[in-house]
C-alpha atoms as a PDB file:
ATOM      1  CA  ILE A   1      -5.081 101.646  13.200  1.00  0.00           C
ATOM      2  CA  PRO A   2      -1.922 104.358  11.907  1.00  0.00           C
ATOM      3  CA  CYS A   3       0.746 102.566  13.613  1.00  0.00           C
ATOM      4  CA  VAL A   4       0.731  99.637  11.330  1.00  0.00           C
ATOM      5  CA  PRO A   5       3.028 101.024   8.948  1.00  0.00           C
ATOM      6  CA  TRP A   6       6.089 101.436  11.595  1.00  0.00           C
ATOM      7  CA  GLN A   7       5.203  97.564  12.603  1.00  0.00           C
ATOM      8  CA  SER A   8       5.229  96.423   8.744  1.00  0.00           C
ATOM      9  CA  GLN A   9       7.843  98.843   7.083  1.00  0.00           C
ATOM     10  CA  THR A  10      10.387  97.194   8.843  1.00  0.00           C
ATOM     11  CA  SER A  11       9.347  93.939   7.158  1.00  0.00           C
ATOM     12  CA  GLY A  12       8.849  94.871   4.471  1.00  0.00           C
ATOM     13  CA  GLN A  13      12.220  96.852   3.938  1.00  0.00           C
ATOM     14  CA  TYR A  14      13.699  93.714   5.375  1.00  0.00           C
ATOM     15  CA  GLN A  15      11.904  90.920   2.857  1.00  0.00           C
ATOM     16  CA  ARG A  16      13.000  93.240  -0.083  1.00  0.00           C
ATOM     17  CA  ARG A  17      16.447  92.656   0.637  1.00  0.00           C
ATOM     18  CA  VAL A  18      16.068  88.598   1.476  1.00  0.00           C
ATOM     19  CA  HIS A  19      14.401  87.828  -1.736  1.00  0.00           C
ATOM     20  CA  GLY A  20      16.225  90.006  -3.833  1.00  0.00           C
ATOM     21  CA  GLY A  21      16.773  87.244  -6.642  1.00  0.00           C
ATOM     22  CA  GLU A  22      20.013  85.794  -7.351  1.00  0.00           C
ATOM     23  CA  GLU A  23      22.172  88.762  -5.791  1.00  0.00           C
ATOM     24  CA  ALA A  24      20.892  88.488  -2.323  1.00  0.00           C
ATOM     25  CA  LYS A  25      21.942  84.599  -2.290  1.00  0.00           C
ATOM     26  CA  LYS A  26      24.967  85.619  -3.612  1.00  0.00           C
ATOM     27  CA  LEU A  27      25.094  88.677  -0.858  1.00  0.00           C
ATOM     28  CA  TYR A  28      23.259  87.225   2.158  1.00  0.00           C
ATOM     29  CA  LYS A  29      23.716  83.727   3.615  1.00  0.00           C
ATOM     30  CA  GLY A  30      20.714  84.214   5.549  1.00  0.00           C
ATOM     31  CA  THR A  31      17.859  85.778   7.634  1.00  0.00           C
ATOM     32  CA  LEU A  32      20.077  86.356  10.228  1.00  0.00           C
ATOM     33  CA  ASP A  33      23.187  87.535   8.253  1.00  0.00           C
ATOM     34  CA  CYS A  34      21.035  89.826   5.907  1.00  0.00           C
ATOM     35  CA  ALA A  35      19.978  91.518   9.214  1.00  0.00           C
ATOM     36  CA  LYS A  36      23.292  91.658  10.340  1.00  0.00           C
ATOM     37  CA  GLN A  37      24.424  92.901   7.442  1.00  0.00           C
ATOM     38  CA  ILE A  38      22.016  95.666   7.567  1.00  0.00           C
ATOM     39  CA  LEU A  39      22.810  96.841  11.177  1.00  0.00           C
ATOM     40  CA  GLN A  40      26.187  97.192   9.958  1.00  0.00           C
ATOM     41  CA  LYS A  41      26.421  98.930   7.597  1.00  0.00           C
ATOM     42  CA  GLU A  42      22.999 101.050   7.668  1.00  0.00           C
ATOM     43  CA  GLU A  43      22.175 101.374  11.129  1.00  0.00           C
ATOM     44  CA  ILE A  44      18.333 100.149  12.130  1.00  0.00           C
ATOM     45  CA  PHE A  45      16.770 103.132  10.730  1.00  0.00           C
ATOM     46  CA  PHE A  46      16.908 101.575   7.699  1.00  0.00           C
ATOM     47  CA  PHE A  47      14.161  99.210   8.609  1.00  0.00           C
ATOM     48  CA  TRP A  48      12.005 102.078   8.706  1.00  0.00           C
ATOM     49  CA  THR A  49      13.172 103.743   5.698  1.00  0.00           C
ATOM     50  CA  GLY A  50       9.669 105.533   4.255  1.00  0.00           C
ATOM     51  CA  THR A  51       7.702 104.806   7.077  1.00  0.00           C
ATOM     52  CA  TRP A  52       6.437 108.678   7.073  1.00  0.00           C
ATOM     53  CA  PRO A  53       5.056 108.994   3.385  1.00  0.00           C
ATOM     54  CA  ARG A  54       3.383 105.591   4.092  1.00  0.00           C
ATOM     55  CA  PHE A  55       1.869 106.749   7.194  1.00  0.00           C
ATOM     56  CA  ILE A  56       0.551 110.087   5.970  1.00  0.00           C
ATOM     57  CA  ARG A  57      -1.273 107.715   3.453  1.00  0.00           C
ATOM     58  CA  VAL A  58      -2.530 105.239   5.456  1.00  0.00           C
ATOM     59  CA  THR A  59      -4.293 108.025   8.125  1.00  0.00           C
ATOM     60  CA  LEU A  60      -5.591 109.392   5.355  1.00  0.00           C
ATOM     61  CA  ASP A  61      -7.263 106.050   3.924  1.00  0.00           C
ATOM     62  CA  VAL A  62      -8.398 105.025   7.435  1.00  0.00           C
ATOM     63  CA  GLY A  63      -9.919 108.648   8.144  1.00  0.00           C
ATOM     64  CA  ILE A  64     -11.753 108.875   4.622  1.00  0.00           C
ATOM     65  CA  THR A  65     -13.124 105.840   5.033  1.00  0.00           C
ATOM     66  CA  PHE A  66     -14.697 106.057   8.690  1.00  0.00           C
ATOM     67  CA  THR A  67     -16.155 109.605   7.578  1.00  0.00           C
ATOM     68  CA  ILE A  68     -17.502 108.371   4.622  1.00  0.00           C
ATOM     69  CA  TYR A  69     -18.906 104.908   5.292  1.00  0.00           C
ATOM     70  CA  PRO A  70     -21.734 105.852   7.456  1.00  0.00           C
ATOM     71  CA  PHE A  71     -22.838 108.611   5.116  1.00  0.00           C
ATOM     72  CA  LEU A  72     -23.013 105.538   2.350  1.00  0.00           C
ATOM     73  CA  ASN A  73     -24.415 102.854   4.970  1.00  0.00           C
ATOM     74  CA  ASN A  74     -27.397 106.122   5.492  1.00  0.00           C
ATOM     75  CA  LEU A  75     -28.054 106.018   1.795  1.00  0.00           C
ATOM     76  CA  PHE A  76     -28.228 101.921   0.582  1.00  0.00           C
END
């Protein structure tokens, strides 16, 4: 379903920050502190950075898969 990138992109952007290794441990006290700092410094739109390219890729992937599958299913 093409709406999945909007849901998963949020957690993906967030996880990159929280699990950034030793530097992340120095910057953030925990999960909530990380989210709070992101909201203060970069606003809420940071969580959806890069969503449109991913949305286009997923939409094309799903569209091609559902278009080709019946043809391949008939061949084999």
